[in-house]
Amino acid sequence: MFAPVRPWRRRLGLALLVLSALILLVVYVLPPVARRQVQTRLGALLGRPVRVGAITLNPFTARLRVRGLEVFEPDGATPAFGFADAAVNLDPVMSVLRRAVVVSAVELRGPHAVVVRHADGTLNLSDILERRSAAPPAAAPPEAAPEAGAALPRLLISGTRVDAGWFIFRDEQQGARQRLMGLHIEVPRISTLPGDGDLLVKPYLRADLNGRELVLDGSAKPFAVTRSGTTLLRLQDFDLTALAPYLPSPRTADLTSGRLDIEVTAA
């Protein structure tokens, strides 16, 4: 004869079965549904074809990842803007302990956009801008009376990183092109938690502007009672003739050559 199954074992087995079903739902069912929803809703919002390569969610590491998001021109074939990969790592344990949204890392790789000014002066993004401006404003909820000393949402982001970004502005009206390539941004830590008001945030940006190094560095206390900070801007050997098409007319002289080195620190 078989021994009867003890109640606690039955409950444990049921709990494991439910947990397994939830994991399968999160890993294999929700991401494809989310991918289709993003494509449909974002496409309807922008009035453009939208493609999302994949959305994945790891319930064990609390990592959400979106790969290959691309918004196309109305022809459905020419990319307009998007990114190669984006990921957010939530820290559930620290979120509970600190009673805040704690994100261990935010990563964005390959953000890009191509902006075109046509010969008639319109932009390739004009239809999106017009669509957004023509949309009826959403009904705003009744405003509540502001609370004295209302605090910012409790948020801690331990690290934000952007890599391999590129942006191109093609001016068909002036026959010019501006390129920002190799965009890299780092923000080590951002916190709105009490006690972190004096936290020194040190963002860093580096890119190549028309083939010349552009650096923006600095430090700031954006959440302190008394805000303070410093900023360093450095651009080396920039070809000024790239700006010649945008000089005001009529001109008394033509800009045929010129280089600019600039290093400015502001506080």
C-alpha atoms as a PDB file:
ATOM      1  CA  MET A   1       0.000   0.000   0.000  1.00  0.00           C
ATOM      2  CA  PHE A   2       1.039   3.580  -0.674  1.00  0.00           C
ATOM      3  CA  ALA A   3       1.606   5.924   2.224  1.00  0.00           C
ATOM      4  CA  PRO A   4      -0.729   8.930   2.192  1.00  0.00           C
ATOM      5  CA  VAL A   5       0.784  12.187   0.953  1.00  0.00           C
ATOM      6  CA  ARG A   6       1.268  14.554   3.830  1.00  0.00           C
ATOM      7  CA  PRO A   7      -0.587  17.882   3.597  1.00  0.00           C
ATOM      8  CA  TRP A   8       2.585  19.979   3.767  1.00  0.00           C
ATOM      9  CA  ARG A   9       4.083  18.072   0.858  1.00  0.00           C
ATOM     10  CA  ARG A  10       0.917  18.577  -1.149  1.00  0.00           C
ATOM     11  CA  ARG A  11       0.991  22.313  -0.424  1.00  0.00           C
ATOM     12  CA  LEU A  12       4.705  22.509  -1.277  1.00  0.00           C
ATOM     13  CA  GLY A  13       4.144  20.695  -4.554  1.00  0.00           C
ATOM     14  CA  LEU A  14       1.265  23.003  -5.427  1.00  0.00           C
ATOM     15  CA  ALA A  15       3.363  26.077  -4.586  1.00  0.00           C
ATOM     16  CA  LEU A  16       6.228  24.835  -6.774  1.00  0.00           C
ATOM     17  CA  LEU A  17       3.803  24.138  -9.593  1.00  0.00           C
ATOM     18  CA  VAL A  18       2.342  27.659  -9.379  1.00  0.00           C
ATOM     19  CA  LEU A  19       5.830  29.187  -9.185  1.00  0.00           C
ATOM     20  CA  SER A  20       6.972  27.233 -12.229  1.00  0.00           C
ATOM     21  CA  ALA A  21       3.905  28.345 -14.159  1.00  0.00           C
ATOM     22  CA  LEU A  22       4.560  31.992 -13.247  1.00  0.00           C
ATOM     23  CA  ILE A  23       8.195  31.738 -14.338  1.00  0.00           C
ATOM     24  CA  LEU A  24       7.173  30.212 -17.666  1.00  0.00           C
ATOM     25  CA  LEU A  25       4.584  32.963 -18.094  1.00  0.00           C
ATOM     26  CA  VAL A  26       7.115  35.740 -17.391  1.00  0.00           C
ATOM     27  CA  VAL A  27       9.903  34.264 -19.514  1.00  0.00           C
ATOM     28  CA  TYR A  28       8.067  32.849 -22.521  1.00  0.00           C
ATOM     29  CA  VAL A  29       4.594  34.398 -22.754  1.00  0.00           C
ATOM     30  CA  LEU A  30       4.766  38.011 -21.586  1.00  0.00           C
ATOM     31  CA  PRO A  31       7.805  39.172 -23.648  1.00  0.00           C
ATOM     32  CA  PRO A  32       6.313  38.339 -27.081  1.00  0.00           C
ATOM     33  CA  VAL A  33       3.034  39.965 -26.040  1.00  0.00           C
ATOM     34  CA  ALA A  34       4.909  43.061 -24.820  1.00  0.00           C
ATOM     35  CA  ARG A  35       6.891  43.186 -28.077  1.00  0.00           C
ATOM     36  CA  ARG A  36       3.731  43.222 -30.182  1.00  0.00           C
ATOM     37  CA  GLN A  37       2.115  45.826 -27.933  1.00  0.00           C
ATOM     38  CA  VAL A  38       5.134  48.142 -28.144  1.00  0.00           C
ATOM     39  CA  GLN A  39       5.223  47.867 -31.932  1.00  0.00           C
ATOM     40  CA  THR A  40       1.491  48.492 -32.254  1.00  0.00           C
ATOM     41  CA  ARG A  41       1.069  51.256 -29.698  1.00  0.00           C
ATOM     42  CA  LEU A  42       4.277  53.139 -30.498  1.00  0.00           C
ATOM     43  CA  GLY A  43       3.537  52.857 -34.204  1.00  0.00           C
ATOM     44  CA  ALA A  44       0.046  54.281 -33.662  1.00  0.00           C
ATOM     45  CA  LEU A  45       1.439  57.077 -31.496  1.00  0.00           C
ATOM     46  CA  LEU A  46       4.076  58.142 -34.030  1.00  0.00           C
ATOM     47  CA  GLY A  47       2.236  57.229 -37.210  1.00  0.00           C
ATOM     48  CA  ARG A  48       5.323  55.317 -38.358  1.00  0.00           C
ATOM     49  CA  PRO A  49       6.265  51.667 -38.840  1.00  0.00           C
ATOM     50  CA  VAL A  50       8.018  50.367 -35.710  1.00  0.00           C
ATOM     51  CA  ARG A  51      10.036  47.196 -35.284  1.00  0.00           C
ATOM     52  CA  VAL A  52      11.231  45.634 -32.030  1.00  0.00           C
ATOM     53  CA  GLY A  53      13.730  42.802 -32.307  1.00  0.00           C
ATOM     54  CA  ALA A  54      13.046  41.176 -28.952  1.00  0.00           C
ATOM     55  CA  ILE A  55      12.008  41.843 -25.363  1.00  0.00           C
ATOM     56  CA  THR A  56      13.309  39.588 -22.607  1.00  0.00           C
ATOM     57  CA  LEU A  57      12.722  39.531 -18.872  1.00  0.00           C
ATOM     58  CA  ASN A  58      14.834  37.484 -16.495  1.00  0.00           C
ATOM     59  CA  PRO A  59      12.886  36.972 -13.248  1.00  0.00           C
ATOM     60  CA  PHE A  60      15.971  35.702 -11.420  1.00  0.00           C
ATOM     61  CA  THR A  61      18.160  38.754 -12.127  1.00  0.00           C
ATOM     62  CA  ALA A  62      15.278  41.257 -12.516  1.00  0.00           C
ATOM     63  CA  ARG A  63      16.735  42.356 -15.853  1.00  0.00           C
ATOM     64  CA  LEU A  64      14.510  43.804 -18.569  1.00  0.00           C
ATOM     65  CA  ARG A  65      16.065  44.011 -22.019  1.00  0.00           C
ATOM     66  CA  VAL A  66      14.813  45.449 -25.307  1.00  0.00           C
ATOM     67  CA  ARG A  67      16.797  44.727 -28.452  1.00  0.00           C
ATOM     68  CA  GLY A  68      16.627  46.330 -31.865  1.00  0.00           C
ATOM     69  CA  LEU A  69      13.987  49.037 -31.574  1.00  0.00           C
ATOM     70  CA  GLU A  70      13.711  50.929 -34.856  1.00  0.00           C
ATOM     71  CA  VAL A  71      11.299  53.610 -36.043  1.00  0.00           C
ATOM     72  CA  PHE A  72      11.199  53.865 -39.830  1.00  0.00           C
ATOM     73  CA  GLU A  73      10.404  56.546 -42.344  1.00  0.00           C
ATOM     74  CA  PRO A  74       6.891  56.370 -43.837  1.00  0.00           C
ATOM     75  CA  ASP A  75       8.250  54.155 -46.635  1.00  0.00           C
ATOM     76  CA  GLY A  76       8.708  51.409 -44.027  1.00  0.00           C
ATOM     77  CA  ALA A  77      12.266  50.643 -45.172  1.00  0.00           C
ATOM     78  CA  THR A  78      14.481  53.609 -44.235  1.00  0.00           C
ATOM     79  CA  PRO A  79      15.494  53.748 -40.538  1.00  0.00           C
ATOM     80  CA  ALA A  80      14.818  57.084 -38.818  1.00  0.00           C
ATOM     81  CA  PHE A  81      15.769  56.563 -35.171  1.00  0.00           C
ATOM     82  CA  GLY A  82      16.034  53.879 -32.528  1.00  0.00           C
ATOM     83  CA  PHE A  83      18.587  51.915 -30.547  1.00  0.00           C
ATOM     84  CA  ALA A  84      20.397  48.587 -30.714  1.00  0.00           C
ATOM     85  CA  ASP A  85      19.989  47.433 -27.126  1.00  0.00           C
ATOM     86  CA  ALA A  86      18.555  48.745 -23.850  1.00  0.00           C
ATOM     87  CA  ALA A  87      18.547  47.084 -20.447  1.00  0.00           C
ATOM     88  CA  VAL A  88      17.419  47.924 -16.921  1.00  0.00           C
ATOM     89  CA  ASN A  89      18.565  45.945 -13.884  1.00  0.00           C
ATOM     90  CA  LEU A  90      16.286  46.278 -10.877  1.00  0.00           C
ATOM     91  CA  ASP A  91      17.564  45.363  -7.418  1.00  0.00           C
ATOM     92  CA  PRO A  92      14.490  43.916  -5.641  1.00  0.00           C
ATOM     93  CA  VAL A  93      16.265  43.212  -2.345  1.00  0.00           C
ATOM     94  CA  MET A  94      17.653  46.733  -1.966  1.00  0.00           C
ATOM     95  CA  SER A  95      14.348  48.175  -3.158  1.00  0.00           C
ATOM     96  CA  VAL A  96      12.601  46.473  -0.247  1.00  0.00           C
ATOM     97  CA  LEU A  97      15.305  47.322   2.287  1.00  0.00           C
ATOM     98  CA  ARG A  98      15.506  50.986   1.284  1.00  0.00           C
ATOM     99  CA  ARG A  99      11.796  51.361   0.483  1.00  0.00           C
ATOM    100  CA  ALA A 100      12.665  52.866  -2.874  1.00  0.00           C
ATOM    101  CA  VAL A 101      13.091  51.955  -6.518  1.00  0.00           C
ATOM    102  CA  VAL A 102      16.706  50.795  -6.667  1.00  0.00           C
ATOM    103  CA  VAL A 103      18.166  50.215 -10.122  1.00  0.00           C
ATOM    104  CA  SER A 104      21.630  48.712 -10.238  1.00  0.00           C
ATOM    105  CA  ALA A 105      22.269  49.585 -13.895  1.00  0.00           C
ATOM    106  CA  VAL A 106      20.721  51.296 -16.904  1.00  0.00           C
ATOM    107  CA  GLU A 107      22.403  50.531 -20.219  1.00  0.00           C
ATOM    108  CA  LEU A 108      21.684  51.908 -23.675  1.00  0.00           C
ATOM    109  CA  ARG A 109      23.731  50.822 -26.669  1.00  0.00           C
ATOM    110  CA  GLY A 110      23.593  52.194 -30.175  1.00  0.00           C
ATOM    111  CA  PRO A 111      21.054  55.030 -29.895  1.00  0.00           C
ATOM    112  CA  HIS A 112      20.850  56.685 -33.298  1.00  0.00           C
ATOM    113  CA  ALA A 113      18.870  59.088 -35.428  1.00  0.00           C
ATOM    114  CA  VAL A 114      19.029  60.567 -38.910  1.00  0.00           C
ATOM    115  CA  VAL A 115      17.466  64.025 -39.174  1.00  0.00           C
ATOM    116  CA  VAL A 116      17.003  65.405 -42.675  1.00  0.00           C
ATOM    117  CA  ARG A 117      16.072  68.931 -43.661  1.00  0.00           C
ATOM    118  CA  HIS A 118      14.604  68.760 -47.132  1.00  0.00           C
ATOM    119  CA  ALA A 119      15.040  71.384 -49.823  1.00  0.00           C
ATOM    120  CA  ASP A 120      11.649  72.904 -48.943  1.00  0.00           C
ATOM    121  CA  GLY A 121      12.724  73.406 -45.320  1.00  0.00           C
ATOM    122  CA  THR A 122      10.660  70.599 -43.809  1.00  0.00           C
ATOM    123  CA  LEU A 123      12.173  67.888 -41.645  1.00  0.00           C
ATOM    124  CA  ASN A 124      11.844  64.154 -42.097  1.00  0.00           C
ATOM    125  CA  LEU A 125      10.342  64.145 -38.586  1.00  0.00           C
ATOM    126  CA  SER A 126       7.811  66.908 -39.322  1.00  0.00           C
ATOM    127  CA  ASP A 127       4.924  64.445 -39.596  1.00  0.00           C
ATOM    128  CA  ILE A 128       5.632  63.139 -36.083  1.00  0.00           C
ATOM    129  CA  LEU A 129       5.863  66.654 -34.639  1.00  0.00           C
ATOM    130  CA  GLU A 130       2.660  67.733 -36.380  1.00  0.00           C
ATOM    131  CA  ARG A 131       0.885  64.586 -35.251  1.00  0.00           C
ATOM    132  CA  ARG A 132       1.835  65.212 -31.629  1.00  0.00           C
ATOM    133  CA  SER A 133       0.892  68.908 -31.725  1.00  0.00           C
ATOM    134  CA  ALA A 134      -2.473  68.135 -33.367  1.00  0.00           C
ATOM    135  CA  ALA A 135      -3.391  65.455 -30.834  1.00  0.00           C
ATOM    136  CA  PRO A 136      -6.068  66.633 -28.369  1.00  0.00           C
ATOM    137  CA  PRO A 137      -4.619  67.141 -24.903  1.00  0.00           C
ATOM    138  CA  ALA A 138      -5.479  64.446 -22.414  1.00  0.00           C
ATOM    139  CA  ALA A 139      -7.886  65.441 -19.685  1.00  0.00           C
ATOM    140  CA  ALA A 140      -5.823  66.449 -16.695  1.00  0.00           C
ATOM    141  CA  PRO A 141      -6.855  65.093 -13.310  1.00  0.00           C
ATOM    142  CA  PRO A 142      -7.927  67.664 -10.737  1.00  0.00           C
ATOM    143  CA  GLU A 143      -4.898  69.169  -9.086  1.00  0.00           C
ATOM    144  CA  ALA A 144      -4.429  68.399  -5.452  1.00  0.00           C
ATOM    145  CA  ALA A 145      -3.231  71.039  -3.062  1.00  0.00           C
ATOM    146  CA  PRO A 146       0.580  70.931  -2.907  1.00  0.00           C
ATOM    147  CA  GLU A 147       1.898  69.360   0.240  1.00  0.00           C
ATOM    148  CA  ALA A 148       4.411  71.256   2.269  1.00  0.00           C
ATOM    149  CA  GLY A 149       7.863  69.835   1.790  1.00  0.00           C
ATOM    150  CA  ALA A 150       6.696  67.308  -0.814  1.00  0.00           C
ATOM    151  CA  ALA A 151       9.600  65.007  -1.592  1.00  0.00           C
ATOM    152  CA  LEU A 152      10.837  63.610  -4.861  1.00  0.00           C
ATOM    153  CA  PRO A 153      10.077  59.953  -5.654  1.00  0.00           C
ATOM    154  CA  ARG A 154      12.467  57.650  -3.839  1.00  0.00           C
ATOM    155  CA  LEU A 155      14.866  56.536  -6.545  1.00  0.00           C
ATOM    156  CA  LEU A 156      18.431  55.251  -6.675  1.00  0.00           C
ATOM    157  CA  ILE A 157      20.207  54.456  -9.941  1.00  0.00           C
ATOM    158  CA  SER A 158      23.675  53.108  -9.308  1.00  0.00           C
ATOM    159  CA  GLY A 159      24.953  53.527 -12.853  1.00  0.00           C
ATOM    160  CA  THR A 160      23.802  54.775 -16.257  1.00  0.00           C
ATOM    161  CA  ARG A 161      25.786  54.133 -19.408  1.00  0.00           C
ATOM    162  CA  VAL A 162      25.258  54.986 -23.077  1.00  0.00           C
ATOM    163  CA  ASP A 163      27.586  53.543 -25.707  1.00  0.00           C
ATOM    164  CA  ALA A 164      28.078  53.670 -29.474  1.00  0.00           C
ATOM    165  CA  GLY A 165      25.499  56.369 -30.142  1.00  0.00           C
ATOM    166  CA  TRP A 166      25.438  58.226 -33.430  1.00  0.00           C
ATOM    167  CA  PHE A 167      23.372  61.040 -34.895  1.00  0.00           C
ATOM    168  CA  ILE A 168      23.434  62.530 -38.387  1.00  0.00           C
ATOM    169  CA  PHE A 169      21.907  65.812 -39.550  1.00  0.00           C
ATOM    170  CA  ARG A 170      21.658  65.994 -43.330  1.00  0.00           C
ATOM    171  CA  ASP A 171      20.756  69.421 -44.658  1.00  0.00           C
ATOM    172  CA  GLU A 172      19.624  69.085 -48.267  1.00  0.00           C
ATOM    173  CA  GLN A 173      18.721  72.767 -48.369  1.00  0.00           C
ATOM    174  CA  GLN A 174      22.286  73.884 -47.625  1.00  0.00           C
ATOM    175  CA  GLY A 175      24.106  70.844 -48.958  1.00  0.00           C
ATOM    176  CA  ALA A 176      25.708  70.193 -45.561  1.00  0.00           C
ATOM    177  CA  ARG A 177      26.014  67.284 -43.181  1.00  0.00           C
ATOM    178  CA  GLN A 178      26.835  67.202 -39.455  1.00  0.00           C
ATOM    179  CA  ARG A 179      27.819  63.969 -37.712  1.00  0.00           C
ATOM    180  CA  LEU A 180      27.985  63.092 -34.034  1.00  0.00           C
ATOM    181  CA  MET A 181      29.567  59.657 -33.748  1.00  0.00           C
ATOM    182  CA  GLY A 182      30.805  57.372 -30.987  1.00  0.00           C
ATOM    183  CA  LEU A 183      28.614  58.948 -28.320  1.00  0.00           C
ATOM    184  CA  HIS A 184      29.525  57.715 -24.842  1.00  0.00           C
ATOM    185  CA  ILE A 185      27.800  58.904 -21.651  1.00  0.00           C
ATOM    186  CA  GLU A 186      28.360  57.817 -18.061  1.00  0.00           C
ATOM    187  CA  VAL A 187      26.463  58.873 -14.951  1.00  0.00           C
ATOM    188  CA  PRO A 188      27.849  56.876 -11.992  1.00  0.00           C
ATOM    189  CA  ARG A 189      25.061  57.433  -9.475  1.00  0.00           C
ATOM    190  CA  ILE A 190      21.797  59.316  -9.102  1.00  0.00           C
ATOM    191  CA  SER A 191      19.838  59.308  -5.865  1.00  0.00           C
ATOM    192  CA  THR A 192      16.876  61.192  -4.437  1.00  0.00           C
ATOM    193  CA  LEU A 193      16.984  59.327  -1.124  1.00  0.00           C
ATOM    194  CA  PRO A 194      17.230  61.256   2.145  1.00  0.00           C
ATOM    195  CA  GLY A 195      20.833  61.620   3.162  1.00  0.00           C
ATOM    196  CA  ASP A 196      22.021  61.632  -0.457  1.00  0.00           C
ATOM    197  CA  GLY A 197      21.224  65.286  -1.053  1.00  0.00           C
ATOM    198  CA  ASP A 198      24.912  66.181  -1.000  1.00  0.00           C
ATOM    199  CA  LEU A 199      25.788  63.329  -3.344  1.00  0.00           C
ATOM    200  CA  LEU A 200      28.169  64.559  -6.034  1.00  0.00           C
ATOM    201  CA  VAL A 201      26.946  63.410  -9.446  1.00  0.00           C
ATOM    202  CA  LYS A 202      29.736  63.224 -12.032  1.00  0.00           C
ATOM    203  CA  PRO A 203      28.366  62.858 -15.562  1.00  0.00           C
ATOM    204  CA  TYR A 204      30.741  62.389 -18.476  1.00  0.00           C
ATOM    205  CA  LEU A 205      30.137  62.703 -22.210  1.00  0.00           C
ATOM    206  CA  ARG A 206      32.456  62.010 -25.086  1.00  0.00           C
ATOM    207  CA  ALA A 207      31.772  61.960 -28.825  1.00  0.00           C
ATOM    208  CA  ASP A 208      33.274  62.845 -32.188  1.00  0.00           C
ATOM    209  CA  LEU A 209      31.660  65.910 -33.736  1.00  0.00           C
ATOM    210  CA  ASN A 210      32.459  65.915 -37.444  1.00  0.00           C
ATOM    211  CA  GLY A 211      35.527  63.827 -36.686  1.00  0.00           C
ATOM    212  CA  ARG A 212      36.786  65.972 -33.789  1.00  0.00           C
ATOM    213  CA  GLU A 213      36.720  65.040 -30.125  1.00  0.00           C
ATOM    214  CA  LEU A 214      34.003  66.640 -28.016  1.00  0.00           C
ATOM    215  CA  VAL A 215      34.173  66.197 -24.241  1.00  0.00           C
ATOM    216  CA  LEU A 216      31.668  67.386 -21.651  1.00  0.00           C
ATOM    217  CA  ASP A 217      32.684  66.630 -18.089  1.00  0.00           C
ATOM    218  CA  GLY A 218      31.619  67.935 -14.726  1.00  0.00           C
ATOM    219  CA  SER A 219      30.165  67.403 -11.295  1.00  0.00           C
ATOM    220  CA  ALA A 220      27.006  68.645  -9.636  1.00  0.00           C
ATOM    221  CA  LYS A 221      24.753  68.323  -6.614  1.00  0.00           C
ATOM    222  CA  PRO A 222      21.359  68.450  -8.352  1.00  0.00           C
ATOM    223  CA  PHE A 223      19.331  67.373  -5.295  1.00  0.00           C
ATOM    224  CA  ALA A 224      21.075  69.447  -2.631  1.00  0.00           C
ATOM    225  CA  VAL A 225      19.305  72.309  -0.889  1.00  0.00           C
ATOM    226  CA  THR A 226      21.925  74.609  -2.370  1.00  0.00           C
ATOM    227  CA  ARG A 227      22.709  73.363  -5.856  1.00  0.00           C
ATOM    228  CA  SER A 228      26.262  73.626  -7.127  1.00  0.00           C
ATOM    229  CA  GLY A 229      28.412  72.178  -9.851  1.00  0.00           C
ATOM    230  CA  THR A 230      31.153  72.634 -12.419  1.00  0.00           C
ATOM    231  CA  THR A 231      31.196  71.918 -16.144  1.00  0.00           C
ATOM    232  CA  LEU A 232      34.080  71.399 -18.543  1.00  0.00           C
ATOM    233  CA  LEU A 233      33.567  71.704 -22.303  1.00  0.00           C
ATOM    234  CA  ARG A 234      36.399  70.765 -24.646  1.00  0.00           C
ATOM    235  CA  LEU A 235      36.389  70.693 -28.445  1.00  0.00           C
ATOM    236  CA  GLN A 236      39.610  70.399 -30.409  1.00  0.00           C
ATOM    237  CA  ASP A 237      40.473  71.298 -34.004  1.00  0.00           C
ATOM    238  CA  PHE A 238      36.872  71.801 -35.091  1.00  0.00           C
ATOM    239  CA  ASP A 239      36.447  72.790 -38.732  1.00  0.00           C
ATOM    240  CA  LEU A 240      34.493  76.054 -38.731  1.00  0.00           C
ATOM    241  CA  THR A 241      33.624  75.777 -42.413  1.00  0.00           C
ATOM    242  CA  ALA A 242      30.984  73.226 -41.383  1.00  0.00           C
ATOM    243  CA  LEU A 243      29.035  76.197 -39.997  1.00  0.00           C
ATOM    244  CA  ALA A 244      29.507  78.399 -43.073  1.00  0.00           C
ATOM    245  CA  PRO A 245      26.101  77.556 -44.614  1.00  0.00           C
ATOM    246  CA  TYR A 246      24.380  78.881 -41.487  1.00  0.00           C
ATOM    247  CA  LEU A 247      26.040  82.295 -41.328  1.00  0.00           C
ATOM    248  CA  PRO A 248      23.542  85.164 -41.667  1.00  0.00           C
ATOM    249  CA  SER A 249      23.032  86.814 -45.036  1.00  0.00           C
ATOM    250  CA  PRO A 250      23.988  89.129 -46.641  1.00  0.00           C
ATOM    251  CA  ARG A 251      27.641  88.393 -45.914  1.00  0.00           C
ATOM    252  CA  THR A 252      30.505  90.806 -46.254  1.00  0.00           C
ATOM    253  CA  ALA A 253      33.024  87.949 -46.262  1.00  0.00           C
ATOM    254  CA  ASP A 254      33.119  84.217 -46.859  1.00  0.00           C
ATOM    255  CA  LEU A 255      34.417  81.691 -44.353  1.00  0.00           C
ATOM    256  CA  THR A 256      36.790  79.574 -46.445  1.00  0.00           C
ATOM    257  CA  SER A 257      38.886  78.055 -43.664  1.00  0.00           C
ATOM    258  CA  GLY A 258      39.194  78.072 -39.903  1.00  0.00           C
ATOM    259  CA  ARG A 259      39.808  75.808 -36.934  1.00  0.00           C
ATOM    260  CA  LEU A 260      38.534  76.111 -33.377  1.00  0.00           C
ATOM    261  CA  ASP A 261      40.050  74.845 -30.134  1.00  0.00           C
ATOM    262  CA  ILE A 262      37.959  75.505 -27.064  1.00  0.00           C
ATOM    263  CA  GLU A 263      38.239  74.501 -23.428  1.00  0.00           C
ATOM    264  CA  VAL A 264      35.857  76.193 -21.038  1.00  0.00           C
ATOM    265  CA  THR A 265      35.202  75.527 -17.364  1.00  0.00           C
ATOM    266  CA  ALA A 266      32.105  76.999 -15.757  1.00  0.00           C
ATOM    267  CA  ALA A 267      30.912  76.864 -12.171  1.00  0.00           C
END
